[in-house]
């Protein structure tokens, strides 16, 4: 039997999602909790990897178990009781055996949060950026992303990817009462892609770059021409889309 997990986590105390030697990871915490409760070794597969200090409002993972689990709500309660406060399981549901948390996903959405007034309550949850920004100009620039597929200029160097092509479906800035939020959805993302895009758009919004420069940067496929990657603390995985939504 295959089971999908819907969860959220505060990435501050972790070195990312993926299990690593001598590092604290979200995946390891959940595997240990499930293995303890189900009394067999459990391995989970996530919808993707998040870097150190990146958060998730919604992460999806799956695991397989030889027998049917009768009371999934009770399992959620038990797993949460063993997990640290920085991780919360919302649901565990049975799914078809061919549904894969990573490879079946058709789109992922991220948010990047910025606050422009110093706040002790946003440390490690948002990026403090106190320069004046032209949000309308940043939204105009964000629309340029829809014109391209190859985003090599926003990818971390020396990654083992078959292609750097991505289909961006949504990219926009929203003004909230306590800051700015950048929303982006795509069929796939390259390593460091969102943080590099945000860094470049901030340079456009602050007047260091012009909108036409974004065309030049993307066409160059050169990471060194794009803006500096913004800190991980403001980044949140917010949604994972599947052909059938397992958590409805």
Protein backbone atom coordinates (compact mmCIF):
# COMPACT_ATOMS: atom_id res chain seq x y z
CA UNK A 1 0.00 0.00 0.00
CA UNK A 2 1.19 3.52 -0.81
CA UNK A 3 0.43 6.50 1.40
CA UNK A 4 0.77 10.21 0.78
CA UNK A 5 1.67 12.60 3.60
CA UNK A 6 0.71 16.27 3.63
CA UNK A 7 2.92 18.24 5.99
CA UNK A 8 4.39 21.64 6.77
CA UNK A 9 7.61 22.66 8.44
CA UNK A 10 9.69 25.55 9.64
CA UNK A 11 13.02 25.08 7.90
CA UNK A 12 15.06 27.19 10.34
CA UNK A 13 16.54 24.32 12.40
CA UNK A 14 17.14 22.00 9.44
CA UNK A 15 19.78 21.53 6.77
CA UNK A 16 17.03 21.02 4.23
CA UNK A 17 14.58 18.24 3.43
CA UNK A 18 17.00 15.57 2.23
CA UNK A 19 18.76 13.15 4.57
CA UNK A 20 22.46 13.98 4.81
CA UNK A 21 25.34 12.63 6.85
CA UNK A 22 25.93 14.57 10.07
CA UNK A 23 23.07 16.99 9.33
CA UNK A 24 19.58 17.50 10.72
CA UNK A 25 16.90 16.99 8.04
CA UNK A 26 13.11 17.00 7.86
CA UNK A 27 13.03 13.68 5.98
CA UNK A 28 15.04 11.93 8.69
CA UNK A 29 12.75 13.16 11.49
CA UNK A 30 9.63 11.85 9.74
CA UNK A 31 11.20 8.53 8.79
CA UNK A 32 12.27 7.90 12.36
CA UNK A 33 8.80 8.72 13.70
CA UNK A 34 7.00 6.49 11.18
CA UNK A 35 9.45 3.63 11.68
CA UNK A 36 8.96 3.80 15.45
CA UNK A 37 5.17 3.75 15.25
CA UNK A 38 4.80 1.18 12.46
CA UNK A 39 7.63 -0.96 13.88
CA UNK A 40 9.27 -1.51 10.50
CA UNK A 41 11.87 0.57 8.64
CA UNK A 42 10.05 3.24 6.63
CA UNK A 43 11.58 5.31 3.86
CA UNK A 44 9.76 8.37 2.56
CA UNK A 45 10.11 10.18 -0.76
CA UNK A 46 9.43 13.90 -0.93
CA UNK A 47 7.92 16.00 -3.71
CA UNK A 48 11.27 17.77 -3.99
CA UNK A 49 14.28 18.94 -2.05
CA UNK A 50 14.32 22.16 -0.09
CA UNK A 51 17.59 23.80 0.92
CA UNK A 52 18.66 24.65 4.44
CA UNK A 53 16.32 27.13 6.18
CA UNK A 54 13.68 26.98 3.42
CA UNK A 55 10.17 26.47 4.79
CA UNK A 56 7.12 24.59 3.55
CA UNK A 57 3.49 25.52 4.00
CA UNK A 58 2.74 22.34 2.08
CA UNK A 59 5.16 19.51 1.39
CA UNK A 60 4.09 16.11 0.08
CA UNK A 61 5.86 12.81 0.64
CA UNK A 62 4.97 9.16 0.17
CA UNK A 63 5.85 5.85 1.80
CA UNK A 64 4.95 2.22 1.17
CA UNK A 65 3.71 -0.26 3.76
CA UNK A 66 3.08 -3.98 3.33
CA UNK A 67 -0.33 -3.95 4.99
CA UNK A 68 -3.27 -1.56 5.11
CA UNK A 69 -3.25 0.99 7.92
CA UNK A 70 -6.75 1.08 9.38
CA UNK A 71 -6.82 4.35 11.32
CA UNK A 72 -4.90 7.03 9.44
CA UNK A 73 -6.11 9.88 11.67
CA UNK A 74 -4.70 8.04 14.66
CA UNK A 75 -1.43 7.57 12.79
CA UNK A 76 -1.25 11.31 12.12
CA UNK A 77 -1.74 12.00 15.83
CA UNK A 78 0.94 9.51 16.85
CA UNK A 79 3.48 10.74 14.31
CA UNK A 80 2.93 14.36 15.34
CA UNK A 81 3.48 13.41 18.98
CA UNK A 82 7.00 12.22 18.09
CA UNK A 83 7.93 15.05 15.75
CA UNK A 84 9.50 18.34 16.88
CA UNK A 85 7.30 21.44 16.94
CA UNK A 86 8.94 22.59 13.70
CA UNK A 87 7.20 19.80 11.71
CA UNK A 88 3.46 19.12 11.49
CA UNK A 89 1.62 16.37 9.62
CA UNK A 90 -1.82 17.43 8.38
CA UNK A 91 -3.01 14.28 6.58
CA UNK A 92 -1.97 10.76 5.60
CA UNK A 93 -4.06 9.16 2.84
CA UNK A 94 -3.94 5.99 0.78
CA UNK A 95 -3.24 6.50 -2.93
CA UNK A 96 -2.79 4.34 -6.05
CA UNK A 97 0.59 2.59 -6.10
CA UNK A 98 1.66 4.39 -9.28
CA UNK A 99 1.21 7.88 -7.79
CA UNK A 100 4.65 9.23 -6.90
CA UNK A 101 5.21 12.22 -4.63
CA UNK A 102 7.99 13.60 -6.82
CA UNK A 103 7.56 12.27 -10.35
CA UNK A 104 3.76 12.51 -10.52
CA UNK A 105 3.71 16.18 -9.52
CA UNK A 106 2.61 18.42 -12.40
CA UNK A 107 3.38 21.78 -10.77
CA UNK A 108 4.84 23.34 -7.66
CA UNK A 109 4.25 26.76 -6.17
CA UNK A 110 6.54 28.88 -4.01
CA UNK A 111 6.19 32.12 -2.09
CA UNK A 112 8.99 34.50 -1.23
CA UNK A 113 8.30 36.90 1.63
CA UNK A 114 9.93 40.30 2.17
CA UNK A 115 9.45 42.84 4.96
CA UNK A 116 10.72 46.40 4.65
CA UNK A 117 10.48 47.51 8.25
CA UNK A 118 12.69 45.83 10.82
CA UNK A 119 10.74 43.31 12.89
CA UNK A 120 11.93 40.92 15.61
CA UNK A 121 9.00 38.63 14.76
CA UNK A 122 10.07 38.01 11.18
CA UNK A 123 13.66 36.92 11.76
CA UNK A 124 14.28 33.66 9.88
CA UNK A 125 10.75 33.86 8.39
CA UNK A 126 11.12 36.70 5.90
CA UNK A 127 13.86 38.73 4.19
CA UNK A 128 14.44 42.22 5.58
CA UNK A 129 14.98 44.44 2.54
CA UNK A 130 14.74 48.15 3.38
CA UNK A 131 15.38 49.71 -0.03
CA UNK A 132 12.53 51.44 -1.83
CA UNK A 133 10.95 49.21 -4.47
CA UNK A 134 8.82 49.85 -7.55
CA UNK A 135 6.39 46.92 -7.28
CA UNK A 136 4.61 47.77 -10.52
CA UNK A 137 7.92 47.62 -12.37
CA UNK A 138 8.76 44.28 -10.72
CA UNK A 139 5.42 42.85 -11.83
CA UNK A 140 6.01 44.04 -15.38
CA UNK A 141 9.40 42.35 -15.28
CA UNK A 142 7.89 39.15 -13.87
CA UNK A 143 5.74 38.84 -17.00
CA UNK A 144 8.95 38.57 -19.06
CA UNK A 145 9.46 35.12 -17.50
CA UNK A 146 6.46 33.79 -19.44
CA UNK A 147 8.28 34.42 -22.71
CA UNK A 148 11.08 31.92 -22.02
CA UNK A 149 11.65 28.27 -21.19
CA UNK A 150 15.40 27.97 -20.64
CA UNK A 151 16.30 29.42 -17.25
CA UNK A 152 19.95 28.39 -17.06
CA UNK A 153 20.80 31.91 -15.87
CA UNK A 154 18.91 31.26 -12.63
CA UNK A 155 20.27 27.78 -11.95
CA UNK A 156 22.95 26.83 -9.48
CA UNK A 157 26.11 25.77 -11.33
CA UNK A 158 27.14 22.15 -11.88
CA UNK A 159 23.75 20.58 -11.19
CA UNK A 160 22.90 17.21 -12.71
CA UNK A 161 19.79 18.15 -14.65
CA UNK A 162 18.79 16.79 -18.03
CA UNK A 163 17.32 20.13 -19.09
CA UNK A 164 17.08 23.67 -17.74
CA UNK A 165 13.73 24.22 -19.43
CA UNK A 166 10.78 25.09 -17.19
CA UNK A 167 7.25 26.27 -17.90
CA UNK A 168 6.39 29.15 -15.58
CA UNK A 169 2.63 29.41 -15.14
CA UNK A 170 2.39 32.20 -12.56
CA UNK A 171 4.77 34.95 -11.43
CA UNK A 172 3.56 38.03 -9.57
CA UNK A 173 4.20 40.27 -6.58
CA UNK A 174 1.49 41.09 -4.06
CA UNK A 175 1.54 43.86 -1.48
CA UNK A 176 0.38 42.80 1.97
CA UNK A 177 -0.06 44.85 5.14
CA UNK A 178 3.29 43.73 6.51
CA UNK A 179 5.40 43.33 3.38
CA UNK A 180 5.65 41.89 -0.12
CA UNK A 181 5.08 38.34 -1.35
CA UNK A 182 6.30 36.93 -4.66
CA UNK A 183 4.20 34.02 -5.96
CA UNK A 184 5.56 31.68 -8.61
CA UNK A 185 4.26 28.40 -10.07
CA UNK A 186 5.99 26.18 -12.63
CA UNK A 187 5.99 22.60 -13.83
CA UNK A 188 9.49 22.24 -12.40
CA UNK A 189 12.20 24.36 -10.79
CA UNK A 190 15.98 24.38 -11.02
CA UNK A 191 18.17 24.50 -7.92
CA UNK A 192 18.22 28.01 -6.47
CA UNK A 193 15.96 29.23 -9.27
CA UNK A 194 13.33 31.05 -7.22
CA UNK A 195 15.86 32.84 -5.01
CA UNK A 196 17.84 33.95 -8.07
CA UNK A 197 14.70 35.22 -9.83
CA UNK A 198 13.64 37.16 -6.73
CA UNK A 199 17.12 38.66 -6.37
CA UNK A 200 17.05 39.80 -9.99
CA UNK A 201 13.56 41.28 -9.71
CA UNK A 202 14.60 43.18 -6.58
CA UNK A 203 17.47 44.72 -8.52
CA UNK A 204 14.95 45.82 -11.15
CA UNK A 205 12.58 47.17 -8.50
CA UNK A 206 15.36 49.14 -6.81
CA UNK A 207 16.61 50.63 -10.12
CA UNK A 208 19.88 48.71 -10.37
CA UNK A 209 18.65 46.90 -13.48
CA UNK A 210 16.06 47.69 -16.14
CA UNK A 211 13.34 45.40 -17.49
CA UNK A 212 15.19 45.02 -20.79
CA UNK A 213 18.19 43.71 -18.85
CA UNK A 214 16.09 40.70 -17.83
CA UNK A 215 15.74 39.66 -21.49
CA UNK A 216 19.51 39.93 -21.90
CA UNK A 217 20.18 37.93 -18.74
CA UNK A 218 17.83 35.07 -19.64
CA UNK A 219 19.11 34.85 -23.21
CA UNK A 220 22.71 34.75 -21.97
CA UNK A 221 22.10 31.55 -19.94
CA UNK A 222 24.85 32.92 -17.68
CA UNK A 223 24.24 32.73 -13.92
CA UNK A 224 26.82 35.42 -13.19
CA UNK A 225 24.74 38.04 -15.01
CA UNK A 226 21.61 37.51 -12.92
CA UNK A 227 20.99 39.06 -9.52
CA UNK A 228 22.33 37.77 -6.22
CA UNK A 229 20.28 34.98 -4.66
CA UNK A 230 18.16 36.21 -1.78
CA UNK A 231 18.42 34.46 1.62
CA UNK A 232 16.67 31.12 2.11
CA UNK A 233 14.66 32.33 5.13
CA UNK A 234 12.00 34.06 2.99
CA UNK A 235 11.24 31.07 0.76
CA UNK A 236 8.22 28.79 1.27
CA UNK A 237 7.04 25.80 -0.75
CA UNK A 238 3.31 26.53 -0.77
CA UNK A 239 1.59 23.95 -3.01
CA UNK A 240 2.22 20.75 -4.98
CA UNK A 241 -0.15 19.84 -7.81
CA UNK A 242 -1.00 16.30 -8.98
CA UNK A 243 -3.20 14.85 -11.76
CA UNK A 244 -5.54 13.77 -8.98
CA UNK A 245 -5.48 15.71 -5.72
CA UNK A 246 -4.95 13.09 -3.01
CA UNK A 247 -5.94 15.33 -0.09
CA UNK A 248 -9.42 16.47 -1.21
